[in-house]
Amino acid sequence: MDANSICQNSPIFPQSLRRHLGEEAPEQVVLLGNGDLLNRPSLALFCSRKYPGSVILQTYDLMKELRQREEVTVIGGFQSPMERECLHLLLKGVASVIVCPARAIEKFRIPADCKPALEGGRLLYLSPFVEKPRRPTAQTALFRNRFVAALAEVSFVAYASVGGTLESLSGEIAGWGRQIYTHDDEHTVILVKLGARVSLPLPSLPPVPSSC
């Protein structure tokens, strides 16, 4: 399966990228898999690399619920340990997934456990990076997370380290007027102060805006 690219002047280029990222929006995005998933409402998933034990079971339970819903598309970098575990859980169900690596994907090697979902049309690899870099960096991971947040209608932040980049991103998402959800947990108070709601309402996700 070959990768394809969509330029900014294409009618199918996601308008939310230009709306929220402005001049920082990528000139093109690269796709590998079912591009139709970009036309569906999506839920962005984020979690810091280090997280308290109290959010683990709550996050697993949420993923087990989401993976049973065909109408759900979850988008994320799936780079932190918790995010990777969430991807494994989602791939065992029927939900669709958009994976956004913090690197170029033209010569990306598809993990064996992802191939069935990719071939079945449930999985899309999407990157704002063209040809380079071949490996993720801290800088590309930061931009990738903003890219993911700009694409999704709703974001779910399982946990954000105090003073970390994900806390900053959550504030930026709130500034865009996009809704954020998190767990009802003592460790997510900072997210609630930023405007996050607790208890993601299922199965509802907002419809894709007509402008997209």
N, C-alpha and C. Protein backbone atom coordinates (compact mmCIF):
# COMPACT_ATOMS: atom_id res chain seq x y z
N MET A 1 0.85 -1.19 0.00
CA MET A 1 0.00 0.00 0.00
C MET A 1 0.89 1.24 0.00
N ASP A 2 0.64 2.13 -0.96
CA ASP A 2 1.47 3.32 -1.11
C ASP A 2 0.86 4.52 -0.39
N ALA A 3 1.73 5.44 0.01
CA ALA A 3 1.27 6.67 0.65
C ALA A 3 0.87 7.68 -0.41
N ASN A 4 -0.12 8.51 -0.08
CA ASN A 4 -0.58 9.58 -0.95
C ASN A 4 -0.53 10.89 -0.19
N SER A 5 -0.51 12.00 -0.90
CA SER A 5 -0.47 13.30 -0.24
C SER A 5 -1.64 14.17 -0.68
N ILE A 6 -2.04 15.08 0.21
CA ILE A 6 -3.10 16.05 -0.07
C ILE A 6 -2.53 17.43 0.19
N CYS A 7 -2.57 18.30 -0.79
CA CYS A 7 -2.06 19.65 -0.65
C CYS A 7 -3.13 20.59 -0.09
N GLN A 8 -2.70 21.73 0.42
CA GLN A 8 -3.62 22.69 1.02
C GLN A 8 -4.69 23.18 0.05
N ASN A 9 -4.36 23.23 -1.24
CA ASN A 9 -5.34 23.73 -2.20
C ASN A 9 -6.32 22.66 -2.66
N SER A 10 -6.21 21.46 -2.10
CA SER A 10 -7.14 20.39 -2.44
C SER A 10 -8.46 20.61 -1.70
N PRO A 11 -9.60 20.34 -2.35
CA PRO A 11 -10.90 20.50 -1.67
C PRO A 11 -11.09 19.54 -0.52
N ILE A 12 -10.28 18.49 -0.44
CA ILE A 12 -10.44 17.52 0.65
C ILE A 12 -9.40 17.73 1.76
N PHE A 13 -8.60 18.79 1.64
CA PHE A 13 -7.65 19.10 2.71
C PHE A 13 -8.45 19.55 3.93
N PRO A 14 -8.15 19.00 5.12
CA PRO A 14 -8.92 19.36 6.33
C PRO A 14 -8.84 20.85 6.65
N GLN A 15 -9.97 21.52 6.56
CA GLN A 15 -10.00 22.97 6.79
C GLN A 15 -9.69 23.33 8.24
N SER A 16 -9.95 22.42 9.17
CA SER A 16 -9.69 22.72 10.58
C SER A 16 -8.21 22.96 10.85
N LEU A 17 -7.33 22.42 10.01
CA LEU A 17 -5.90 22.64 10.20
C LEU A 17 -5.55 24.11 9.97
N ARG A 18 -6.10 24.67 8.91
CA ARG A 18 -5.85 26.09 8.64
C ARG A 18 -6.55 26.99 9.64
N ARG A 19 -7.73 26.55 10.08
CA ARG A 19 -8.50 27.36 11.01
C ARG A 19 -7.79 27.49 12.36
N HIS A 20 -7.21 26.40 12.85
CA HIS A 20 -6.61 26.42 14.18
C HIS A 20 -5.10 26.63 14.18
N LEU A 21 -4.41 26.18 13.15
CA LEU A 21 -2.95 26.31 13.12
C LEU A 21 -2.49 27.51 12.31
N GLY A 22 -3.39 28.09 11.53
CA GLY A 22 -3.05 29.27 10.76
C GLY A 22 -1.89 29.04 9.82
N GLU A 23 -0.91 29.94 9.88
CA GLU A 23 0.25 29.83 8.99
C GLU A 23 1.13 28.63 9.31
N GLU A 24 0.92 28.02 10.47
CA GLU A 24 1.70 26.84 10.83
C GLU A 24 1.10 25.56 10.27
N ALA A 25 -0.06 25.65 9.64
CA ALA A 25 -0.68 24.46 9.04
C ALA A 25 0.25 23.89 7.98
N PRO A 26 0.37 22.56 7.91
CA PRO A 26 1.27 21.97 6.92
C PRO A 26 0.80 22.26 5.50
N GLU A 27 1.75 22.39 4.58
CA GLU A 27 1.41 22.62 3.18
C GLU A 27 0.72 21.41 2.56
N GLN A 28 1.04 20.25 3.08
CA GLN A 28 0.38 19.03 2.64
C GLN A 28 0.43 17.99 3.75
N VAL A 29 -0.46 17.01 3.66
CA VAL A 29 -0.45 15.90 4.60
C VAL A 29 -0.30 14.61 3.80
N VAL A 30 0.31 13.63 4.42
CA VAL A 30 0.56 12.35 3.76
C VAL A 30 -0.29 11.28 4.41
N LEU A 31 -0.96 10.47 3.57
CA LEU A 31 -1.89 9.46 4.04
C LEU A 31 -1.45 8.07 3.60
N LEU A 32 -1.68 7.12 4.47
CA LEU A 32 -1.45 5.72 4.16
C LEU A 32 -2.60 4.93 4.77
N GLY A 33 -3.53 4.47 3.94
CA GLY A 33 -4.70 3.75 4.46
C GLY A 33 -5.98 4.37 3.95
N ASN A 34 -7.04 4.22 4.71
CA ASN A 34 -8.37 4.66 4.32
C ASN A 34 -8.57 6.16 4.56
N GLY A 35 -8.39 6.95 3.52
CA GLY A 35 -8.53 8.40 3.63
C GLY A 35 -9.93 8.86 3.95
N ASP A 36 -10.92 8.01 3.72
CA ASP A 36 -12.31 8.38 4.03
C ASP A 36 -12.51 8.63 5.52
N LEU A 37 -11.61 8.10 6.35
CA LEU A 37 -11.74 8.31 7.79
C LEU A 37 -11.61 9.78 8.17
N LEU A 38 -10.99 10.58 7.30
CA LEU A 38 -10.86 12.01 7.56
C LEU A 38 -12.20 12.73 7.48
N ASN A 39 -13.19 12.09 6.85
CA ASN A 39 -14.50 12.70 6.71
C ASN A 39 -15.43 12.37 7.87
N ARG A 40 -14.92 11.63 8.84
CA ARG A 40 -15.74 11.23 9.97
C ARG A 40 -15.37 12.03 11.21
N PRO A 41 -16.33 12.23 12.13
CA PRO A 41 -15.98 12.92 13.39
C PRO A 41 -14.97 12.09 14.17
N SER A 42 -14.04 12.75 14.81
CA SER A 42 -12.98 12.02 15.51
C SER A 42 -12.77 12.54 16.92
N LEU A 43 -12.24 11.66 17.73
CA LEU A 43 -11.90 11.94 19.13
C LEU A 43 -10.40 11.83 19.29
N ALA A 44 -9.74 12.93 19.65
CA ALA A 44 -8.30 12.91 19.87
C ALA A 44 -8.00 12.34 21.25
N LEU A 45 -6.98 11.51 21.33
CA LEU A 45 -6.58 10.88 22.58
C LEU A 45 -5.17 11.31 22.95
N PHE A 46 -5.01 11.79 24.20
CA PHE A 46 -3.71 12.22 24.68
C PHE A 46 -3.48 11.70 26.10
N CYS A 47 -2.22 11.40 26.41
CA CYS A 47 -1.84 11.07 27.78
C CYS A 47 -0.34 11.31 27.92
N SER A 48 0.06 11.94 29.00
CA SER A 48 1.48 12.18 29.25
C SER A 48 2.23 10.87 29.43
N ARG A 49 3.53 10.93 29.26
CA ARG A 49 4.36 9.72 29.38
C ARG A 49 4.28 9.11 30.78
N LYS A 50 4.28 9.96 31.79
CA LYS A 50 4.16 9.48 33.16
C LYS A 50 2.78 9.86 33.68
N TYR A 51 2.13 8.92 34.35
CA TYR A 51 0.75 9.15 34.78
C TYR A 51 0.50 8.39 36.08
N PRO A 52 -0.45 8.87 36.89
CA PRO A 52 -0.77 8.19 38.15
C PRO A 52 -1.54 6.90 37.90
N GLY A 53 -1.41 5.96 38.80
CA GLY A 53 -2.07 4.67 38.65
C GLY A 53 -3.59 4.78 38.61
N SER A 54 -4.13 5.83 39.20
CA SER A 54 -5.58 5.95 39.29
C SER A 54 -6.25 6.14 37.93
N VAL A 55 -5.48 6.57 36.91
CA VAL A 55 -6.11 6.78 35.60
C VAL A 55 -6.00 5.56 34.68
N ILE A 56 -5.22 4.57 35.09
CA ILE A 56 -4.98 3.43 34.21
C ILE A 56 -6.26 2.66 33.92
N LEU A 57 -6.91 2.17 34.96
CA LEU A 57 -8.12 1.37 34.74
C LEU A 57 -9.23 2.19 34.10
N GLN A 58 -9.34 3.46 34.48
CA GLN A 58 -10.36 4.31 33.89
C GLN A 58 -10.15 4.45 32.38
N THR A 59 -8.89 4.60 31.99
CA THR A 59 -8.57 4.74 30.56
C THR A 59 -8.82 3.44 29.82
N TYR A 60 -8.40 2.33 30.41
CA TYR A 60 -8.63 1.03 29.77
C TYR A 60 -10.12 0.77 29.59
N ASP A 61 -10.90 1.09 30.61
CA ASP A 61 -12.34 0.86 30.51
C ASP A 61 -12.95 1.71 29.40
N LEU A 62 -12.48 2.94 29.27
CA LEU A 62 -13.00 3.81 28.21
C LEU A 62 -12.64 3.25 26.84
N MET A 63 -11.41 2.78 26.67
CA MET A 63 -10.99 2.23 25.37
C MET A 63 -11.79 0.97 25.03
N LYS A 64 -12.08 0.15 26.03
CA LYS A 64 -12.86 -1.06 25.79
C LYS A 64 -14.28 -0.71 25.35
N GLU A 65 -14.78 0.42 25.84
CA GLU A 65 -16.09 0.89 25.42
C GLU A 65 -16.03 1.45 24.00
N LEU A 66 -15.03 2.28 23.73
CA LEU A 66 -14.92 2.90 22.42
C LEU A 66 -14.67 1.89 21.31
N ARG A 67 -13.89 0.86 21.59
CA ARG A 67 -13.54 -0.08 20.53
C ARG A 67 -14.73 -0.89 20.02
N GLN A 68 -15.82 -0.89 20.75
CA GLN A 68 -17.01 -1.63 20.33
C GLN A 68 -17.96 -0.78 19.49
N ARG A 69 -17.58 0.46 19.21
CA ARG A 69 -18.48 1.38 18.52
C ARG A 69 -17.96 1.70 17.12
N GLU A 70 -18.67 1.23 16.12
CA GLU A 70 -18.26 1.44 14.74
C GLU A 70 -18.28 2.91 14.35
N GLU A 71 -19.13 3.69 15.02
CA GLU A 71 -19.26 5.10 14.65
C GLU A 71 -18.12 5.96 15.20
N VAL A 72 -17.26 5.37 16.01
CA VAL A 72 -16.18 6.13 16.65
C VAL A 72 -14.89 6.04 15.85
N THR A 73 -14.22 7.19 15.69
CA THR A 73 -12.87 7.23 15.12
C THR A 73 -11.97 7.93 16.13
N VAL A 74 -10.96 7.25 16.60
CA VAL A 74 -10.02 7.81 17.57
C VAL A 74 -8.74 8.19 16.85
N ILE A 75 -8.25 9.40 17.08
CA ILE A 75 -7.04 9.88 16.43
C ILE A 75 -6.00 10.24 17.48
N GLY A 76 -4.74 9.92 17.19
CA GLY A 76 -3.70 10.25 18.15
C GLY A 76 -2.33 9.89 17.62
N GLY A 77 -1.32 10.29 18.37
CA GLY A 77 0.04 9.90 18.02
C GLY A 77 0.36 8.51 18.51
N PHE A 78 -0.31 8.10 19.59
CA PHE A 78 -0.11 6.78 20.19
C PHE A 78 1.37 6.52 20.43
N GLN A 79 2.02 7.53 21.02
CA GLN A 79 3.46 7.44 21.25
C GLN A 79 3.81 7.19 22.71
N SER A 80 3.08 7.78 23.65
CA SER A 80 3.37 7.55 25.06
C SER A 80 2.94 6.13 25.43
N PRO A 81 3.49 5.58 26.53
CA PRO A 81 3.14 4.19 26.91
C PRO A 81 1.64 3.96 27.03
N MET A 82 0.92 4.87 27.68
CA MET A 82 -0.52 4.69 27.82
C MET A 82 -1.23 4.75 26.47
N GLU A 83 -0.80 5.68 25.62
CA GLU A 83 -1.40 5.80 24.30
C GLU A 83 -1.18 4.54 23.47
N ARG A 84 0.00 3.95 23.58
CA ARG A 84 0.26 2.71 22.83
C ARG A 84 -0.63 1.58 23.31
N GLU A 85 -0.84 1.48 24.60
CA GLU A 85 -1.73 0.46 25.13
C GLU A 85 -3.16 0.68 24.64
N CYS A 86 -3.55 1.94 24.55
CA CYS A 86 -4.90 2.27 24.05
C CYS A 86 -5.04 1.82 22.59
N LEU A 87 -4.00 2.03 21.80
CA LEU A 87 -4.05 1.61 20.39
C LEU A 87 -4.23 0.10 20.29
N HIS A 88 -3.51 -0.66 21.10
CA HIS A 88 -3.65 -2.12 21.08
C HIS A 88 -5.09 -2.53 21.40
N LEU A 89 -5.69 -1.86 22.38
CA LEU A 89 -7.07 -2.18 22.76
C LEU A 89 -8.04 -1.82 21.64
N LEU A 90 -7.85 -0.66 21.03
CA LEU A 90 -8.76 -0.22 19.97
C LEU A 90 -8.69 -1.14 18.75
N LEU A 91 -7.51 -1.63 18.44
CA LEU A 91 -7.36 -2.49 17.26
C LEU A 91 -8.06 -3.84 17.43
N LYS A 92 -8.38 -4.19 18.66
CA LYS A 92 -9.07 -5.45 18.92
C LYS A 92 -10.58 -5.34 18.74
N GLY A 93 -11.06 -4.14 18.46
CA GLY A 93 -12.51 -3.93 18.32
C GLY A 93 -12.91 -3.59 16.91
N VAL A 94 -13.94 -2.73 16.79
CA VAL A 94 -14.47 -2.37 15.47
C VAL A 94 -14.35 -0.87 15.21
N ALA A 95 -13.90 -0.10 16.18
CA ALA A 95 -13.74 1.35 15.99
C ALA A 95 -12.64 1.62 14.98
N SER A 96 -12.72 2.79 14.34
CA SER A 96 -11.68 3.21 13.40
C SER A 96 -10.61 4.02 14.13
N VAL A 97 -9.42 4.00 13.59
CA VAL A 97 -8.29 4.67 14.25
C VAL A 97 -7.46 5.43 13.21
N ILE A 98 -7.06 6.64 13.56
CA ILE A 98 -6.12 7.41 12.75
C ILE A 98 -4.85 7.60 13.58
N VAL A 99 -3.75 7.06 13.09
CA VAL A 99 -2.47 7.14 13.79
C VAL A 99 -1.62 8.21 13.12
N CYS A 100 -1.12 9.15 13.90
CA CYS A 100 -0.31 10.25 13.37
C CYS A 100 1.10 10.18 13.95
N PRO A 101 2.01 9.50 13.29
CA PRO A 101 3.38 9.43 13.80
C PRO A 101 4.05 10.81 13.74
N ALA A 102 5.03 11.02 14.59
CA ALA A 102 5.76 12.28 14.62
C ALA A 102 6.96 12.19 13.67
N ARG A 103 6.71 11.66 12.48
CA ARG A 103 7.75 11.45 11.48
C ARG A 103 7.08 11.28 10.12
N ALA A 104 7.89 11.29 9.08
CA ALA A 104 7.37 11.03 7.74
C ALA A 104 6.99 9.55 7.62
N ILE A 105 6.02 9.25 6.76
CA ILE A 105 5.54 7.87 6.66
C ILE A 105 5.68 7.28 5.25
N GLU A 106 6.39 7.98 4.36
CA GLU A 106 6.53 7.44 3.00
C GLU A 106 7.20 6.07 2.99
N LYS A 107 8.13 5.85 3.90
CA LYS A 107 8.82 4.56 3.98
C LYS A 107 8.57 3.92 5.35
N PHE A 108 7.36 4.13 5.84
CA PHE A 108 6.99 3.63 7.16
C PHE A 108 6.74 2.13 7.11
N ARG A 109 7.26 1.41 8.08
CA ARG A 109 7.04 -0.04 8.18
C ARG A 109 5.83 -0.28 9.08
N ILE A 110 4.78 -0.87 8.52
CA ILE A 110 3.55 -1.09 9.27
C ILE A 110 3.73 -2.22 10.27
N PRO A 111 3.46 -1.99 11.56
CA PRO A 111 3.55 -3.07 12.55
C PRO A 111 2.59 -4.20 12.18
N ALA A 112 3.00 -5.42 12.46
CA ALA A 112 2.20 -6.59 12.08
C ALA A 112 0.80 -6.56 12.68
N ASP A 113 0.67 -6.08 13.93
CA ASP A 113 -0.65 -6.11 14.56
C ASP A 113 -1.58 -5.02 14.03
N CYS A 114 -1.03 -4.11 13.21
CA CYS A 114 -1.86 -3.04 12.62
C CYS A 114 -2.33 -3.39 11.20
N LYS A 115 -1.70 -4.36 10.57
CA LYS A 115 -2.02 -4.66 9.18
C LYS A 115 -3.46 -5.10 8.95
N PRO A 116 -4.06 -5.94 9.80
CA PRO A 116 -5.46 -6.32 9.56
C PRO A 116 -6.41 -5.13 9.55
N ALA A 117 -6.24 -4.21 10.49
CA ALA A 117 -7.10 -3.02 10.54
C ALA A 117 -6.85 -2.12 9.34
N LEU A 118 -5.60 -2.00 8.92
CA LEU A 118 -5.25 -1.18 7.76
C LEU A 118 -5.89 -1.75 6.50
N GLU A 119 -5.76 -3.05 6.31
CA GLU A 119 -6.33 -3.70 5.13
C GLU A 119 -7.85 -3.74 5.17
N GLY A 120 -8.41 -3.70 6.38
CA GLY A 120 -9.87 -3.72 6.53
C GLY A 120 -10.50 -2.35 6.46
N GLY A 121 -9.70 -1.30 6.25
CA GLY A 121 -10.23 0.05 6.10
C GLY A 121 -10.54 0.75 7.41
N ARG A 122 -10.11 0.18 8.54
CA ARG A 122 -10.38 0.78 9.85
C ARG A 122 -9.23 1.65 10.33
N LEU A 123 -8.15 1.68 9.60
CA LEU A 123 -6.95 2.36 10.08
C LEU A 123 -6.37 3.26 9.00
N LEU A 124 -5.98 4.45 9.42
CA LEU A 124 -5.32 5.41 8.54
C LEU A 124 -4.08 5.94 9.24
N TYR A 125 -2.95 5.93 8.54
CA TYR A 125 -1.76 6.62 9.01
C TYR A 125 -1.74 7.99 8.35
N LEU A 126 -1.51 9.01 9.14
CA LEU A 126 -1.58 10.39 8.64
C LEU A 126 -0.43 11.18 9.22
N SER A 127 0.28 11.92 8.37
CA SER A 127 1.44 12.68 8.85
C SER A 127 1.49 14.06 8.22
N PRO A 128 1.86 15.08 9.00
CA PRO A 128 2.07 16.42 8.45
C PRO A 128 3.50 16.61 7.93
N PHE A 129 4.30 15.54 7.99
CA PHE A 129 5.70 15.62 7.59
C PHE A 129 5.90 14.88 6.26
N VAL A 130 6.64 15.52 5.35
CA VAL A 130 6.87 14.96 4.03
C VAL A 130 8.33 14.56 3.88
N GLU A 131 8.55 13.26 3.71
CA GLU A 131 9.87 12.67 3.47
C GLU A 131 10.81 12.70 4.68
N LYS A 132 10.82 13.78 5.42
CA LYS A 132 11.66 13.88 6.62
C LYS A 132 10.83 14.46 7.75
N PRO A 133 11.18 14.13 9.03
CA PRO A 133 12.26 13.24 9.47
C PRO A 133 11.84 11.77 9.39
N ARG A 134 12.82 10.91 9.42
CA ARG A 134 12.55 9.47 9.40
C ARG A 134 12.33 8.93 10.81
N ARG A 135 12.72 9.71 11.80
CA ARG A 135 12.52 9.31 13.20
C ARG A 135 11.88 10.46 13.97
N PRO A 136 11.05 10.15 14.96
CA PRO A 136 10.40 11.21 15.75
C PRO A 136 11.43 11.99 16.56
N THR A 137 11.15 13.26 16.77
CA THR A 137 11.95 14.10 17.64
C THR A 137 11.01 14.79 18.63
N ALA A 138 11.56 15.40 19.64
CA ALA A 138 10.72 16.12 20.60
C ALA A 138 9.95 17.23 19.91
N GLN A 139 10.60 17.91 18.97
CA GLN A 139 9.96 19.01 18.26
C GLN A 139 8.84 18.52 17.36
N THR A 140 9.08 17.43 16.62
CA THR A 140 8.03 16.93 15.73
C THR A 140 6.87 16.35 16.53
N ALA A 141 7.16 15.79 17.71
CA ALA A 141 6.08 15.26 18.55
C ALA A 141 5.18 16.39 19.05
N LEU A 142 5.76 17.53 19.39
CA LEU A 142 4.97 18.67 19.84
C LEU A 142 4.04 19.15 18.73
N PHE A 143 4.59 19.29 17.52
CA PHE A 143 3.76 19.75 16.41
C PHE A 143 2.71 18.70 16.05
N ARG A 144 3.11 17.44 16.07
CA ARG A 144 2.15 16.37 15.78
C ARG A 144 0.94 16.42 16.72
N ASN A 145 1.18 16.66 17.99
CA ASN A 145 0.07 16.73 18.95
C ASN A 145 -0.87 17.89 18.65
N ARG A 146 -0.32 19.03 18.26
CA ARG A 146 -1.17 20.16 17.86
C ARG A 146 -1.94 19.83 16.59
N PHE A 147 -1.31 19.15 15.69
CA PHE A 147 -1.93 18.69 14.44
C PHE A 147 -3.11 17.78 14.74
N VAL A 148 -2.92 16.83 15.63
CA VAL A 148 -3.99 15.90 16.02
C VAL A 148 -5.15 16.66 16.66
N ALA A 149 -4.83 17.56 17.57
CA ALA A 149 -5.87 18.32 18.26
C ALA A 149 -6.66 19.19 17.30
N ALA A 150 -5.98 19.76 16.30
CA ALA A 150 -6.66 20.61 15.33
C ALA A 150 -7.61 19.81 14.44
N LEU A 151 -7.30 18.56 14.20
CA LEU A 151 -8.13 17.71 13.34
C LEU A 151 -9.39 17.21 14.04
N ALA A 152 -9.29 16.95 15.34
CA ALA A 152 -10.39 16.29 16.05
C ALA A 152 -11.47 17.27 16.49
N GLU A 153 -12.71 16.78 16.50
CA GLU A 153 -13.82 17.58 16.99
C GLU A 153 -13.82 17.68 18.51
N VAL A 154 -13.35 16.61 19.16
CA VAL A 154 -13.33 16.51 20.62
C VAL A 154 -11.99 15.90 21.04
N SER A 155 -11.44 16.35 22.16
CA SER A 155 -10.20 15.77 22.68
C SER A 155 -10.44 15.14 24.04
N PHE A 156 -9.81 14.00 24.26
CA PHE A 156 -9.84 13.36 25.58
C PHE A 156 -8.41 13.29 26.10
N VAL A 157 -8.16 13.93 27.23
CA VAL A 157 -6.83 13.92 27.85
C VAL A 157 -6.92 13.07 29.11
N ALA A 158 -6.34 11.89 29.04
CA ALA A 158 -6.40 10.99 30.19
C ALA A 158 -5.64 11.56 31.38
N TYR A 159 -4.50 12.18 31.09
CA TYR A 159 -3.71 12.82 32.15
C TYR A 159 -2.69 13.74 31.49
N ALA A 160 -2.49 14.90 32.09
CA ALA A 160 -1.48 15.86 31.64
C ALA A 160 -0.59 16.21 32.81
N SER A 161 0.71 16.00 32.65
CA SER A 161 1.66 16.34 33.71
C SER A 161 1.60 17.84 34.00
N VAL A 162 1.64 18.18 35.27
CA VAL A 162 1.59 19.59 35.68
C VAL A 162 2.78 20.34 35.10
N GLY A 163 2.50 21.42 34.38
CA GLY A 163 3.56 22.22 33.79
C GLY A 163 4.15 21.64 32.52
N GLY A 164 3.59 20.52 32.04
CA GLY A 164 4.13 19.85 30.86
C GLY A 164 3.54 20.38 29.56
N THR A 165 4.03 19.83 28.46
CA THR A 165 3.59 20.28 27.14
C THR A 165 2.13 19.93 26.87
N LEU A 166 1.66 18.83 27.44
CA LEU A 166 0.26 18.45 27.21
C LEU A 166 -0.69 19.37 27.96
N GLU A 167 -0.27 19.85 29.11
CA GLU A 167 -1.09 20.83 29.83
C GLU A 167 -1.20 22.11 28.99
N SER A 168 -0.07 22.52 28.40
CA SER A 168 -0.07 23.71 27.55
C SER A 168 -0.97 23.50 26.33
N LEU A 169 -0.89 22.33 25.72
CA LEU A 169 -1.72 22.03 24.57
C LEU A 169 -3.20 22.06 24.94
N SER A 170 -3.53 21.54 26.11
CA SER A 170 -4.93 21.53 26.55
C SER A 170 -5.47 22.95 26.66
N GLY A 171 -4.62 23.86 27.14
CA GLY A 171 -5.03 25.25 27.20
C GLY A 171 -5.24 25.84 25.81
N GLU A 172 -4.39 25.44 24.87
CA GLU A 172 -4.53 25.92 23.50
C GLU A 172 -5.82 25.40 22.87
N ILE A 173 -6.12 24.12 23.09
CA ILE A 173 -7.35 23.54 22.55
C ILE A 173 -8.57 24.27 23.10
N ALA A 174 -8.56 24.54 24.40
CA ALA A 174 -9.66 25.27 25.01
C ALA A 174 -9.80 26.65 24.39
N GLY A 175 -8.66 27.27 24.05
CA GLY A 175 -8.68 28.58 23.43
C GLY A 175 -9.28 28.56 22.03
N TRP A 176 -9.20 27.41 21.37
CA TRP A 176 -9.82 27.25 20.05
C TRP A 176 -11.35 27.13 20.15
N GLY A 177 -11.83 26.90 21.36
CA GLY A 177 -13.26 26.66 21.52
C GLY A 177 -13.64 25.21 21.33
N ARG A 178 -12.65 24.32 21.29
CA ARG A 178 -12.90 22.89 21.16
C ARG A 178 -13.07 22.27 22.54
N GLN A 179 -13.96 21.29 22.63
CA GLN A 179 -14.24 20.69 23.93
C GLN A 179 -13.18 19.64 24.30
N ILE A 180 -12.81 19.65 25.58
CA ILE A 180 -11.88 18.68 26.14
C ILE A 180 -12.60 17.90 27.24
N TYR A 181 -12.32 16.60 27.29
CA TYR A 181 -12.83 15.75 28.36
C TYR A 181 -11.66 15.10 29.07
N THR A 182 -11.89 14.69 30.31
CA THR A 182 -10.87 13.99 31.08
C THR A 182 -11.56 13.10 32.10
N HIS A 183 -10.77 12.39 32.88
CA HIS A 183 -11.33 11.53 33.92
C HIS A 183 -11.76 12.36 35.13
N ASP A 184 -12.70 11.83 35.86
CA ASP A 184 -13.09 12.42 37.14
C ASP A 184 -12.11 11.87 38.18
N ASP A 185 -11.02 12.60 38.38
CA ASP A 185 -9.92 12.09 39.20
C ASP A 185 -9.20 13.27 39.85
N GLU A 186 -8.66 13.04 41.03
CA GLU A 186 -7.96 14.11 41.74
C GLU A 186 -6.75 14.63 40.97
N HIS A 187 -6.21 13.81 40.07
CA HIS A 187 -5.02 14.20 39.34
C HIS A 187 -5.33 14.98 38.06
N THR A 188 -6.61 15.16 37.76
CA THR A 188 -6.97 15.89 36.54
C THR A 188 -7.58 17.25 36.84
N VAL A 189 -7.41 17.72 38.07
CA VAL A 189 -7.99 18.99 38.48
C VAL A 189 -7.52 20.14 37.60
N ILE A 190 -6.23 20.13 37.22
CA ILE A 190 -5.70 21.21 36.40
C ILE A 190 -6.41 21.26 35.06
N LEU A 191 -6.77 20.10 34.51
CA LEU A 191 -7.47 20.07 33.24
C LEU A 191 -8.89 20.63 33.37
N VAL A 192 -9.52 20.31 34.48
CA VAL A 192 -10.86 20.84 34.75
C VAL A 192 -10.81 22.36 34.86
N LYS A 193 -9.75 22.87 35.48
CA LYS A 193 -9.59 24.31 35.61
C LYS A 193 -9.41 24.97 34.25
N LEU A 194 -8.86 24.21 33.29
CA LEU A 194 -8.68 24.73 31.94
C LEU A 194 -9.96 24.65 31.12
N GLY A 195 -10.98 24.00 31.70
CA GLY A 195 -12.26 23.92 31.00
C GLY A 195 -12.68 22.53 30.59
N ALA A 196 -11.87 21.52 30.93
CA ALA A 196 -12.22 20.15 30.56
C ALA A 196 -13.43 19.67 31.35
N ARG A 197 -14.26 18.87 30.71
CA ARG A 197 -15.38 18.24 31.37
C ARG A 197 -14.99 16.80 31.73
N VAL A 198 -15.62 16.28 32.75
CA VAL A 198 -15.35 14.89 33.13
C VAL A 198 -16.45 13.99 32.57
N SER A 199 -16.09 12.72 32.35
CA SER A 199 -17.04 11.71 31.86
C SER A 199 -17.47 12.01 30.43
N LEU A 200 -16.70 11.49 29.49
CA LEU A 200 -17.01 11.62 28.07
C LEU A 200 -18.37 11.03 27.77
N PRO A 201 -19.29 11.80 27.18
CA PRO A 201 -20.62 11.25 26.87
C PRO A 201 -20.56 10.30 25.69
N LEU A 202 -20.97 9.08 25.88
CA LEU A 202 -21.01 8.08 24.82
C LEU A 202 -22.47 7.74 24.52
N PRO A 203 -22.80 7.42 23.26
CA PRO A 203 -21.88 7.28 22.13
C PRO A 203 -21.71 8.53 21.31
N SER A 204 -22.22 9.65 21.77
CA SER A 204 -22.30 10.83 20.91
C SER A 204 -20.95 11.49 20.67
N LEU A 205 -20.70 11.84 19.41
CA LEU A 205 -19.61 12.71 19.02
C LEU A 205 -20.22 13.75 18.11
N PRO A 206 -19.72 14.97 18.10
CA PRO A 206 -20.30 16.00 17.25
C PRO A 206 -20.21 15.61 15.79
N PRO A 207 -21.17 16.01 14.96
CA PRO A 207 -21.08 15.74 13.53
C PRO A 207 -19.95 16.53 12.90
N VAL A 208 -19.45 16.05 11.77
CA VAL A 208 -18.40 16.78 11.06
C VAL A 208 -18.99 18.07 10.53
N PRO A 209 -18.39 19.24 10.85
CA PRO A 209 -18.92 20.50 10.33
C PRO A 209 -18.91 20.51 8.81
N SER A 210 -19.89 21.14 8.20
CA SER A 210 -20.00 21.16 6.74
C SER A 210 -18.80 21.83 6.10
N SER A 211 -18.14 22.76 6.82
CA SER A 211 -16.99 23.47 6.29
C SER A 211 -15.78 22.59 6.14
N CYS A 212 -15.81 21.40 6.77
CA CYS A 212 -14.68 20.48 6.67
C CYS A 212 -14.86 19.51 5.51
